Amino acid sequence: MSEWKLKKSWRHIKSKIKTKWGQLTDDDLRYEEGKEIELVRRLEQKTGKSREDIVDYLNHLSFTSDLKLRT
């Protein structure tokens, strides 16, 4: 699995995610280094979007790497 490296602060990224998906809570957006897949799974469940859509959006916001998704 790849590691994500933030170009911007998580606070900034989190605010952008909340703007796009206003129903998400701070708990939904809890980010822990090394647990990126868990974040993606929570977002997938809460938004109904595909993993690919979520990862593309996160990468667009400011992650620098390609997240390898498990099926």
Protein backbone atom coordinates (compact mmCIF):
# COMPACT_ATOMS: atom_id res chain seq x y z
CA MET A 1 0.00 0.00 0.00
CA SER A 2 1.23 3.50 -0.76
CA GLU A 3 1.75 6.21 1.77
CA TRP A 4 -0.02 9.51 1.37
CA LYS A 5 1.89 12.70 1.88
CA LEU A 6 -0.09 15.85 2.47
CA LYS A 7 0.87 18.95 0.54
CA LYS A 8 -1.52 21.06 2.60
CA SER A 9 -2.75 20.84 6.16
CA TRP A 10 -5.38 18.24 6.97
CA ARG A 11 -7.55 21.05 8.39
CA HIS A 12 -7.61 22.74 4.98
CA ILE A 13 -8.35 19.49 3.16
CA LYS A 14 -11.03 18.54 5.67
CA SER A 15 -12.83 21.86 5.13
CA LYS A 16 -12.88 21.24 1.38
CA ILE A 17 -14.32 17.74 1.90
CA LYS A 18 -17.00 19.14 4.21
CA THR A 19 -17.91 21.72 1.57
CA LYS A 20 -18.40 18.98 -1.00
CA TRP A 21 -20.14 16.51 1.33
CA GLY A 22 -21.80 18.61 4.02
CA GLN A 23 -23.31 15.64 5.83
CA LEU A 24 -19.90 14.42 7.02
CA THR A 25 -18.93 14.90 10.65
CA ASP A 26 -15.52 15.51 12.19
CA ASP A 27 -15.56 11.89 13.30
CA ASP A 28 -16.19 10.77 9.70
CA LEU A 29 -13.18 12.83 8.64
CA ARG A 30 -10.79 11.57 11.30
CA TYR A 31 -7.41 11.10 9.62
CA GLU A 32 -4.63 9.00 11.07
CA GLU A 33 -1.38 8.49 9.25
CA GLY A 34 -1.14 4.93 8.00
CA LYS A 35 -4.92 4.41 8.13
CA GLU A 36 -5.85 6.03 4.85
CA ILE A 37 -7.88 3.02 3.70
CA GLU A 38 -10.09 3.35 6.78
CA LEU A 39 -10.74 7.01 5.91
CA VAL A 40 -11.64 6.07 2.34
CA ARG A 41 -13.99 3.33 3.56
CA ARG A 42 -15.76 5.75 5.94
CA LEU A 43 -16.17 8.29 3.15
CA GLU A 44 -17.39 5.60 0.78
CA GLN A 45 -20.05 4.49 3.29
CA LYS A 46 -21.18 8.00 4.22
CA THR A 47 -21.28 9.50 0.73
CA GLY A 48 -22.30 6.53 -1.41
CA LYS A 49 -19.46 7.35 -3.82
CA SER A 50 -17.08 4.77 -5.21
CA ARG A 51 -13.59 4.30 -3.81
CA GLU A 52 -12.15 5.52 -7.06
CA ASP A 53 -14.20 8.74 -6.92
CA ILE A 54 -13.14 9.39 -3.33
CA VAL A 55 -9.47 8.66 -3.95
CA ASP A 56 -9.47 10.84 -7.07
CA TYR A 57 -11.01 13.69 -5.08
CA LEU A 58 -8.55 13.31 -2.19
CA ASN A 59 -5.62 13.19 -4.58
CA HIS A 60 -7.00 16.28 -6.32
CA LEU A 61 -7.21 18.14 -3.00
CA SER A 62 -3.59 17.61 -2.12
CA PHE A 63 -2.33 14.12 -1.58
CA THR A 64 0.85 13.19 -3.38
CA SER A 65 0.81 9.55 -4.29
CA ASP A 66 -1.34 6.92 -5.88
CA LEU A 67 -3.34 5.05 -3.32
CA LYS A 68 -3.48 1.35 -4.02
CA LEU A 69 -7.00 0.12 -3.39
CA ARG A 70 -7.78 -3.33 -2.11
CA THR A 71 -10.80 -4.99 -3.61
